[in-house]
Amino acid sequence: MKYLKYPINFKSLLKGSQENFCKIEESIAYNIMMIITTSFGEIPETPNYGTIIWDLEFNQHLKKKDWEDLVKKSVYESIAAFEKRLILSEVCISLNDIDDKELGASIRRKANIIVKGSIIESLVPFNFHTKLNISPISQ
């Protein structure tokens, strides 16, 4: 099976070029990143696609541990629902302070997201890791 790479280059796709295609691991990673960076309701046809991350972005009443727990549950449930090519085994979330000198005063926290599982068709282990800068969260 062929998997499309994002962003799609329609000009080369119409020419039949193979540069628009990727391996299943890359396709799964694209979908996981899309899930993580989409807020619930952003896609009207699929309102449950996405995560709670962006709904909590400016919530000043949540403690760090509560934020991590809510996001972990949301990411796990969304990936389980919308990435059927993966046997999901673990999602790890950690929210860390960022040194203000590093990125400026407007970005205060960095979310580390790790997803582990195995690809259904081959049972090959799959690991995904990303970091997101989160706007200020007062504690």
N, C-alpha and C. Protein backbone atom coordinates (compact mmCIF):
# COMPACT_ATOMS: atom_id res chain seq x y z
N MET A 1 0.84 -1.18 0.00
CA MET A 1 0.00 0.00 0.00
C MET A 1 0.88 1.25 0.00
N LYS A 2 0.44 2.29 -0.67
CA LYS A 2 1.17 3.55 -0.73
C LYS A 2 0.53 4.56 0.21
N TYR A 3 1.38 5.35 0.86
CA TYR A 3 0.92 6.37 1.79
C TYR A 3 1.42 7.72 1.32
N LEU A 4 0.53 8.71 1.34
CA LEU A 4 0.89 10.06 0.89
C LEU A 4 1.66 10.80 1.97
N LYS A 5 2.63 11.57 1.52
CA LYS A 5 3.44 12.41 2.37
C LYS A 5 2.80 13.80 2.41
N TYR A 6 2.90 14.49 3.54
CA TYR A 6 2.38 15.85 3.66
C TYR A 6 3.53 16.83 3.70
N PRO A 7 3.40 18.02 3.17
CA PRO A 7 2.29 18.48 2.35
C PRO A 7 2.34 17.82 0.98
N ILE A 8 1.19 17.66 0.39
CA ILE A 8 1.09 16.98 -0.90
C ILE A 8 1.52 17.94 -2.01
N ASN A 9 2.42 17.48 -2.85
CA ASN A 9 2.86 18.24 -4.02
C ASN A 9 2.03 17.73 -5.20
N PHE A 10 0.92 18.40 -5.48
CA PHE A 10 -0.01 17.93 -6.51
C PHE A 10 0.61 17.91 -7.90
N LYS A 11 1.51 18.83 -8.17
CA LYS A 11 2.14 18.88 -9.48
C LYS A 11 2.92 17.59 -9.75
N SER A 12 3.75 17.18 -8.80
CA SER A 12 4.53 15.95 -9.01
C SER A 12 3.66 14.71 -8.86
N LEU A 13 2.60 14.80 -8.06
CA LEU A 13 1.68 13.66 -7.92
C LEU A 13 1.00 13.36 -9.25
N LEU A 14 0.58 14.41 -9.94
CA LEU A 14 -0.08 14.22 -11.24
C LEU A 14 0.89 13.69 -12.31
N LYS A 15 2.18 13.94 -12.11
CA LYS A 15 3.19 13.42 -13.03
C LYS A 15 3.56 11.97 -12.71
N GLY A 16 3.03 11.45 -11.60
CA GLY A 16 3.32 10.07 -11.22
C GLY A 16 4.60 9.90 -10.42
N SER A 17 5.15 10.99 -9.92
CA SER A 17 6.40 10.94 -9.16
C SER A 17 6.19 10.19 -7.84
N GLN A 18 7.21 9.45 -7.43
CA GLN A 18 7.16 8.68 -6.18
C GLN A 18 7.53 9.53 -4.96
N GLU A 19 7.96 10.78 -5.18
CA GLU A 19 8.38 11.62 -4.05
C GLU A 19 7.24 11.99 -3.11
N ASN A 20 6.00 11.78 -3.53
CA ASN A 20 4.85 12.09 -2.69
C ASN A 20 4.47 10.96 -1.74
N PHE A 21 5.17 9.85 -1.83
CA PHE A 21 4.81 8.69 -1.03
C PHE A 21 5.83 8.44 0.06
N CYS A 22 5.37 7.81 1.14
CA CYS A 22 6.24 7.54 2.27
C CYS A 22 5.93 6.15 2.83
N LYS A 23 6.75 5.72 3.77
CA LYS A 23 6.55 4.43 4.43
C LYS A 23 5.42 4.56 5.45
N ILE A 24 4.91 3.42 5.89
CA ILE A 24 3.80 3.41 6.85
C ILE A 24 4.19 4.11 8.15
N GLU A 25 5.44 3.96 8.60
CA GLU A 25 5.88 4.60 9.85
C GLU A 25 5.75 6.12 9.76
N GLU A 26 6.16 6.67 8.63
CA GLU A 26 6.08 8.11 8.43
C GLU A 26 4.62 8.57 8.33
N SER A 27 3.80 7.77 7.67
CA SER A 27 2.38 8.10 7.54
C SER A 27 1.69 8.11 8.90
N ILE A 28 2.01 7.12 9.74
CA ILE A 28 1.44 7.07 11.09
C ILE A 28 1.91 8.28 11.89
N ALA A 29 3.18 8.62 11.78
CA ALA A 29 3.72 9.78 12.50
C ALA A 29 3.03 11.07 12.05
N TYR A 30 2.79 11.23 10.75
CA TYR A 30 2.06 12.40 10.24
C TYR A 30 0.67 12.48 10.89
N ASN A 31 -0.02 11.34 10.92
CA ASN A 31 -1.37 11.34 11.48
C ASN A 31 -1.36 11.65 12.97
N ILE A 32 -0.42 11.09 13.71
CA ILE A 32 -0.33 11.37 15.15
C ILE A 32 -0.05 12.85 15.38
N MET A 33 0.85 13.43 14.60
CA MET A 33 1.14 14.86 14.75
C MET A 33 -0.09 15.70 14.42
N MET A 34 -0.82 15.28 13.40
CA MET A 34 -2.05 16.00 13.03
C MET A 34 -3.08 15.91 14.17
N ILE A 35 -3.21 14.73 14.76
CA ILE A 35 -4.14 14.56 15.89
C ILE A 35 -3.74 15.48 17.03
N ILE A 36 -2.46 15.49 17.38
CA ILE A 36 -1.96 16.27 18.51
C ILE A 36 -2.14 17.77 18.29
N THR A 37 -1.95 18.23 17.07
CA THR A 37 -2.00 19.68 16.81
C THR A 37 -3.38 20.18 16.39
N THR A 38 -4.37 19.31 16.45
CA THR A 38 -5.75 19.70 16.10
C THR A 38 -6.58 19.77 17.37
N SER A 39 -7.39 20.80 17.49
CA SER A 39 -8.28 20.90 18.65
C SER A 39 -9.63 20.26 18.30
N PHE A 40 -10.31 19.77 19.32
CA PHE A 40 -11.63 19.17 19.11
C PHE A 40 -12.54 20.18 18.42
N GLY A 41 -13.28 19.71 17.40
CA GLY A 41 -14.21 20.56 16.70
C GLY A 41 -13.61 21.36 15.56
N GLU A 42 -12.30 21.31 15.42
CA GLU A 42 -11.64 22.06 14.35
C GLU A 42 -12.02 21.52 12.97
N ILE A 43 -12.28 20.23 12.89
CA ILE A 43 -12.73 19.60 11.65
C ILE A 43 -14.21 19.29 11.83
N PRO A 44 -15.10 20.10 11.27
CA PRO A 44 -16.54 19.94 11.53
C PRO A 44 -17.09 18.55 11.23
N GLU A 45 -16.56 17.90 10.19
CA GLU A 45 -17.07 16.58 9.81
C GLU A 45 -16.66 15.50 10.81
N THR A 46 -15.60 15.74 11.57
CA THR A 46 -15.10 14.79 12.56
C THR A 46 -14.78 15.55 13.85
N PRO A 47 -15.80 15.96 14.61
CA PRO A 47 -15.58 16.83 15.76
C PRO A 47 -14.75 16.19 16.89
N ASN A 48 -14.66 14.86 16.93
CA ASN A 48 -13.88 14.19 17.97
C ASN A 48 -12.42 14.00 17.61
N TYR A 49 -12.02 14.42 16.40
CA TYR A 49 -10.63 14.31 15.96
C TYR A 49 -9.84 15.43 16.61
N GLY A 50 -8.75 15.09 17.27
CA GLY A 50 -7.91 16.09 17.92
C GLY A 50 -7.65 15.73 19.36
N THR A 51 -7.17 16.70 20.11
CA THR A 51 -6.90 16.49 21.54
C THR A 51 -7.34 17.72 22.33
N ILE A 52 -7.29 17.56 23.63
CA ILE A 52 -7.70 18.61 24.56
C ILE A 52 -6.59 19.65 24.79
N ILE A 53 -5.41 19.40 24.26
CA ILE A 53 -4.26 20.28 24.52
C ILE A 53 -4.59 21.75 24.34
N TRP A 54 -5.21 22.09 23.23
CA TRP A 54 -5.43 23.50 22.91
C TRP A 54 -6.60 24.09 23.68
N ASP A 55 -7.47 23.24 24.23
CA ASP A 55 -8.54 23.73 25.10
C ASP A 55 -7.97 24.10 26.47
N LEU A 56 -6.85 23.50 26.84
CA LEU A 56 -6.22 23.75 28.14
C LEU A 56 -5.09 24.77 28.08
N GLU A 57 -4.79 25.25 26.89
CA GLU A 57 -3.61 26.08 26.68
C GLU A 57 -3.52 27.27 27.64
N PHE A 58 -4.63 27.94 27.88
CA PHE A 58 -4.60 29.12 28.74
C PHE A 58 -5.29 28.89 30.09
N ASN A 59 -5.55 27.64 30.43
CA ASN A 59 -6.18 27.33 31.71
C ASN A 59 -5.18 27.57 32.84
N GLN A 60 -5.49 28.51 33.69
CA GLN A 60 -4.58 28.87 34.77
C GLN A 60 -4.92 28.19 36.09
N HIS A 61 -5.93 27.33 36.07
CA HIS A 61 -6.37 26.69 37.31
C HIS A 61 -5.88 25.26 37.45
N LEU A 62 -5.26 24.72 36.42
CA LEU A 62 -4.80 23.34 36.44
C LEU A 62 -3.37 23.24 36.95
N LYS A 63 -3.16 22.29 37.83
CA LYS A 63 -1.80 21.99 38.26
C LYS A 63 -1.12 21.18 37.15
N LYS A 64 0.19 21.21 37.15
CA LYS A 64 0.98 20.54 36.11
C LYS A 64 0.59 19.07 35.97
N LYS A 65 0.50 18.35 37.07
CA LYS A 65 0.18 16.91 37.04
C LYS A 65 -1.21 16.67 36.46
N ASP A 66 -2.18 17.50 36.83
CA ASP A 66 -3.54 17.37 36.29
C ASP A 66 -3.55 17.62 34.79
N TRP A 67 -2.79 18.63 34.33
CA TRP A 67 -2.68 18.91 32.90
C TRP A 67 -2.11 17.70 32.17
N GLU A 68 -1.02 17.15 32.70
CA GLU A 68 -0.39 15.98 32.08
C GLU A 68 -1.35 14.80 32.00
N ASP A 69 -2.10 14.55 33.08
CA ASP A 69 -3.04 13.43 33.10
C ASP A 69 -4.17 13.61 32.08
N LEU A 70 -4.74 14.81 32.03
CA LEU A 70 -5.82 15.09 31.06
C LEU A 70 -5.33 14.95 29.62
N VAL A 71 -4.16 15.49 29.34
CA VAL A 71 -3.62 15.44 27.98
C VAL A 71 -3.26 14.00 27.61
N LYS A 72 -2.67 13.26 28.53
CA LYS A 72 -2.31 11.86 28.27
C LYS A 72 -3.54 11.05 27.89
N LYS A 73 -4.61 11.20 28.66
CA LYS A 73 -5.87 10.48 28.38
C LYS A 73 -6.42 10.89 27.02
N SER A 74 -6.43 12.17 26.74
CA SER A 74 -6.96 12.68 25.48
C SER A 74 -6.16 12.19 24.28
N VAL A 75 -4.83 12.27 24.36
CA VAL A 75 -3.97 11.82 23.27
C VAL A 75 -4.14 10.32 23.05
N TYR A 76 -4.15 9.55 24.13
CA TYR A 76 -4.30 8.09 24.01
C TYR A 76 -5.62 7.74 23.33
N GLU A 77 -6.71 8.33 23.81
CA GLU A 77 -8.04 8.01 23.26
C GLU A 77 -8.15 8.43 21.79
N SER A 78 -7.61 9.58 21.44
CA SER A 78 -7.71 10.05 20.05
C SER A 78 -6.87 9.20 19.10
N ILE A 79 -5.66 8.84 19.52
CA ILE A 79 -4.83 7.99 18.67
C ILE A 79 -5.47 6.61 18.52
N ALA A 80 -6.00 6.06 19.62
CA ALA A 80 -6.66 4.76 19.55
C ALA A 80 -7.86 4.80 18.59
N ALA A 81 -8.56 5.92 18.57
CA ALA A 81 -9.76 6.04 17.72
C ALA A 81 -9.43 6.34 16.26
N PHE A 82 -8.37 7.11 16.00
CA PHE A 82 -8.13 7.61 14.65
C PHE A 82 -6.84 7.11 13.98
N GLU A 83 -6.13 6.22 14.62
CA GLU A 83 -4.95 5.61 13.99
C GLU A 83 -5.05 4.10 14.14
N LYS A 84 -5.83 3.51 13.25
CA LYS A 84 -6.14 2.08 13.32
C LYS A 84 -5.00 1.18 12.84
N ARG A 85 -3.94 1.74 12.29
CA ARG A 85 -2.81 0.93 11.83
C ARG A 85 -1.82 0.64 12.95
N LEU A 86 -2.10 1.14 14.15
CA LEU A 86 -1.17 1.06 15.27
C LEU A 86 -1.82 0.34 16.45
N ILE A 87 -1.07 -0.60 17.04
CA ILE A 87 -1.46 -1.18 18.32
C ILE A 87 -0.80 -0.28 19.36
N LEU A 88 -1.59 0.54 20.00
CA LEU A 88 -1.08 1.55 20.92
C LEU A 88 -0.80 0.92 22.27
N SER A 89 0.42 1.09 22.77
CA SER A 89 0.76 0.51 24.06
C SER A 89 0.99 1.55 25.15
N GLU A 90 1.47 2.74 24.78
CA GLU A 90 1.79 3.71 25.81
C GLU A 90 1.84 5.13 25.25
N VAL A 91 1.36 6.07 26.05
CA VAL A 91 1.51 7.50 25.76
C VAL A 91 2.10 8.14 27.01
N CYS A 92 3.19 8.87 26.85
CA CYS A 92 3.82 9.58 27.97
C CYS A 92 3.79 11.08 27.67
N ILE A 93 3.39 11.84 28.67
CA ILE A 93 3.32 13.30 28.54
C ILE A 93 4.07 13.91 29.71
N SER A 94 4.91 14.88 29.43
CA SER A 94 5.53 15.65 30.51
C SER A 94 5.54 17.12 30.10
N LEU A 95 5.26 17.96 31.06
CA LEU A 95 5.23 19.40 30.84
C LEU A 95 6.39 20.01 31.61
N ASN A 96 7.30 20.65 30.91
CA ASN A 96 8.51 21.19 31.54
C ASN A 96 8.60 22.69 31.35
N ASP A 97 9.20 23.34 32.35
CA ASP A 97 9.45 24.78 32.25
C ASP A 97 10.54 25.03 31.22
N ILE A 98 10.42 26.16 30.53
CA ILE A 98 11.43 26.57 29.56
C ILE A 98 12.16 27.77 30.15
N ASP A 99 13.46 27.77 30.02
CA ASP A 99 14.25 28.91 30.44
C ASP A 99 13.84 30.12 29.59
N ASP A 100 13.40 31.19 30.23
CA ASP A 100 12.93 32.38 29.50
C ASP A 100 13.96 32.92 28.52
N LYS A 101 15.22 32.78 28.82
CA LYS A 101 16.28 33.29 27.94
C LYS A 101 16.33 32.49 26.64
N GLU A 102 15.90 31.23 26.72
CA GLU A 102 15.98 30.34 25.55
C GLU A 102 15.01 30.76 24.45
N LEU A 103 13.75 31.01 24.79
CA LEU A 103 12.74 31.27 23.76
C LEU A 103 11.94 32.55 23.97
N GLY A 104 12.23 33.30 24.97
CA GLY A 104 11.49 34.53 25.21
C GLY A 104 10.42 34.33 26.26
N ALA A 105 9.94 35.41 26.81
CA ALA A 105 9.01 35.36 27.93
C ALA A 105 7.63 34.83 27.57
N SER A 106 7.26 34.85 26.31
CA SER A 106 5.89 34.47 25.95
C SER A 106 5.68 32.95 25.95
N ILE A 107 6.74 32.17 25.86
CA ILE A 107 6.60 30.72 25.88
C ILE A 107 7.19 30.23 27.19
N ARG A 108 6.37 29.60 28.01
CA ARG A 108 6.80 29.25 29.35
C ARG A 108 6.95 27.75 29.59
N ARG A 109 6.27 26.93 28.79
CA ARG A 109 6.28 25.49 29.02
C ARG A 109 6.48 24.73 27.72
N LYS A 110 7.07 23.55 27.84
CA LYS A 110 7.24 22.67 26.69
C LYS A 110 6.64 21.32 27.05
N ALA A 111 5.76 20.83 26.20
CA ALA A 111 5.15 19.51 26.39
C ALA A 111 5.95 18.49 25.59
N ASN A 112 6.41 17.46 26.26
CA ASN A 112 7.09 16.34 25.60
C ASN A 112 6.07 15.22 25.46
N ILE A 113 5.88 14.74 24.26
CA ILE A 113 4.88 13.71 23.99
C ILE A 113 5.58 12.52 23.35
N ILE A 114 5.41 11.35 23.96
CA ILE A 114 5.98 10.10 23.45
C ILE A 114 4.85 9.10 23.27
N VAL A 115 4.82 8.48 22.10
CA VAL A 115 3.81 7.47 21.78
C VAL A 115 4.55 6.19 21.40
N LYS A 116 4.15 5.08 22.02
CA LYS A 116 4.77 3.78 21.72
C LYS A 116 3.70 2.78 21.35
N GLY A 117 4.07 1.89 20.46
CA GLY A 117 3.15 0.85 20.04
C GLY A 117 3.82 -0.04 19.02
N SER A 118 3.00 -0.75 18.26
CA SER A 118 3.54 -1.56 17.16
C SER A 118 2.58 -1.49 15.99
N ILE A 119 3.16 -1.59 14.80
CA ILE A 119 2.38 -1.50 13.57
C ILE A 119 1.62 -2.81 13.38
N ILE A 120 0.32 -2.72 13.18
CA ILE A 120 -0.53 -3.91 13.11
C ILE A 120 -0.09 -4.88 12.02
N GLU A 121 0.20 -4.39 10.83
CA GLU A 121 0.47 -5.29 9.70
C GLU A 121 1.79 -6.05 9.82
N SER A 122 2.73 -5.53 10.61
CA SER A 122 4.04 -6.19 10.71
C SER A 122 4.49 -6.48 12.14
N LEU A 123 3.80 -5.91 13.12
CA LEU A 123 4.17 -5.98 14.54
C LEU A 123 5.54 -5.36 14.83
N VAL A 124 6.02 -4.52 13.92
CA VAL A 124 7.27 -3.79 14.12
C VAL A 124 7.02 -2.71 15.17
N PRO A 125 7.92 -2.58 16.15
CA PRO A 125 7.75 -1.52 17.16
C PRO A 125 7.73 -0.14 16.51
N PHE A 126 6.90 0.73 17.08
CA PHE A 126 6.75 2.09 16.57
C PHE A 126 6.93 3.06 17.74
N ASN A 127 7.77 4.06 17.54
CA ASN A 127 7.99 5.10 18.55
C ASN A 127 7.86 6.47 17.90
N PHE A 128 7.17 7.36 18.58
CA PHE A 128 6.96 8.72 18.10
C PHE A 128 7.28 9.66 19.25
N HIS A 129 7.99 10.74 18.95
CA HIS A 129 8.32 11.72 19.98
C HIS A 129 8.24 13.12 19.37
N THR A 130 7.59 14.01 20.08
CA THR A 130 7.54 15.41 19.65
C THR A 130 7.53 16.31 20.87
N LYS A 131 7.85 17.57 20.65
CA LYS A 131 7.80 18.58 21.70
C LYS A 131 6.96 19.74 21.18
N LEU A 132 6.08 20.25 22.04
CA LEU A 132 5.24 21.38 21.68
C LEU A 132 5.46 22.51 22.67
N ASN A 133 5.59 23.71 22.17
CA ASN A 133 5.66 24.88 23.04
C ASN A 133 4.24 25.28 23.41
N ILE A 134 4.01 25.41 24.70
CA ILE A 134 2.68 25.73 25.22
C ILE A 134 2.73 27.13 25.81
N SER A 135 1.69 27.91 25.57
CA SER A 135 1.63 29.28 26.09
C SER A 135 1.63 29.29 27.61
N PRO A 136 1.80 30.45 28.20
CA PRO A 136 1.96 30.55 29.66
C PRO A 136 0.85 29.85 30.45
N ILE A 137 1.29 29.11 31.44
CA ILE A 137 0.37 28.48 32.38
C ILE A 137 0.83 28.91 33.77
N SER A 138 0.02 29.65 34.47
CA SER A 138 0.39 30.09 35.81
C SER A 138 0.12 28.97 36.80
N GLN A 139 0.97 28.85 37.77
CA GLN A 139 0.81 27.80 38.79
C GLN A 139 0.74 28.45 40.15
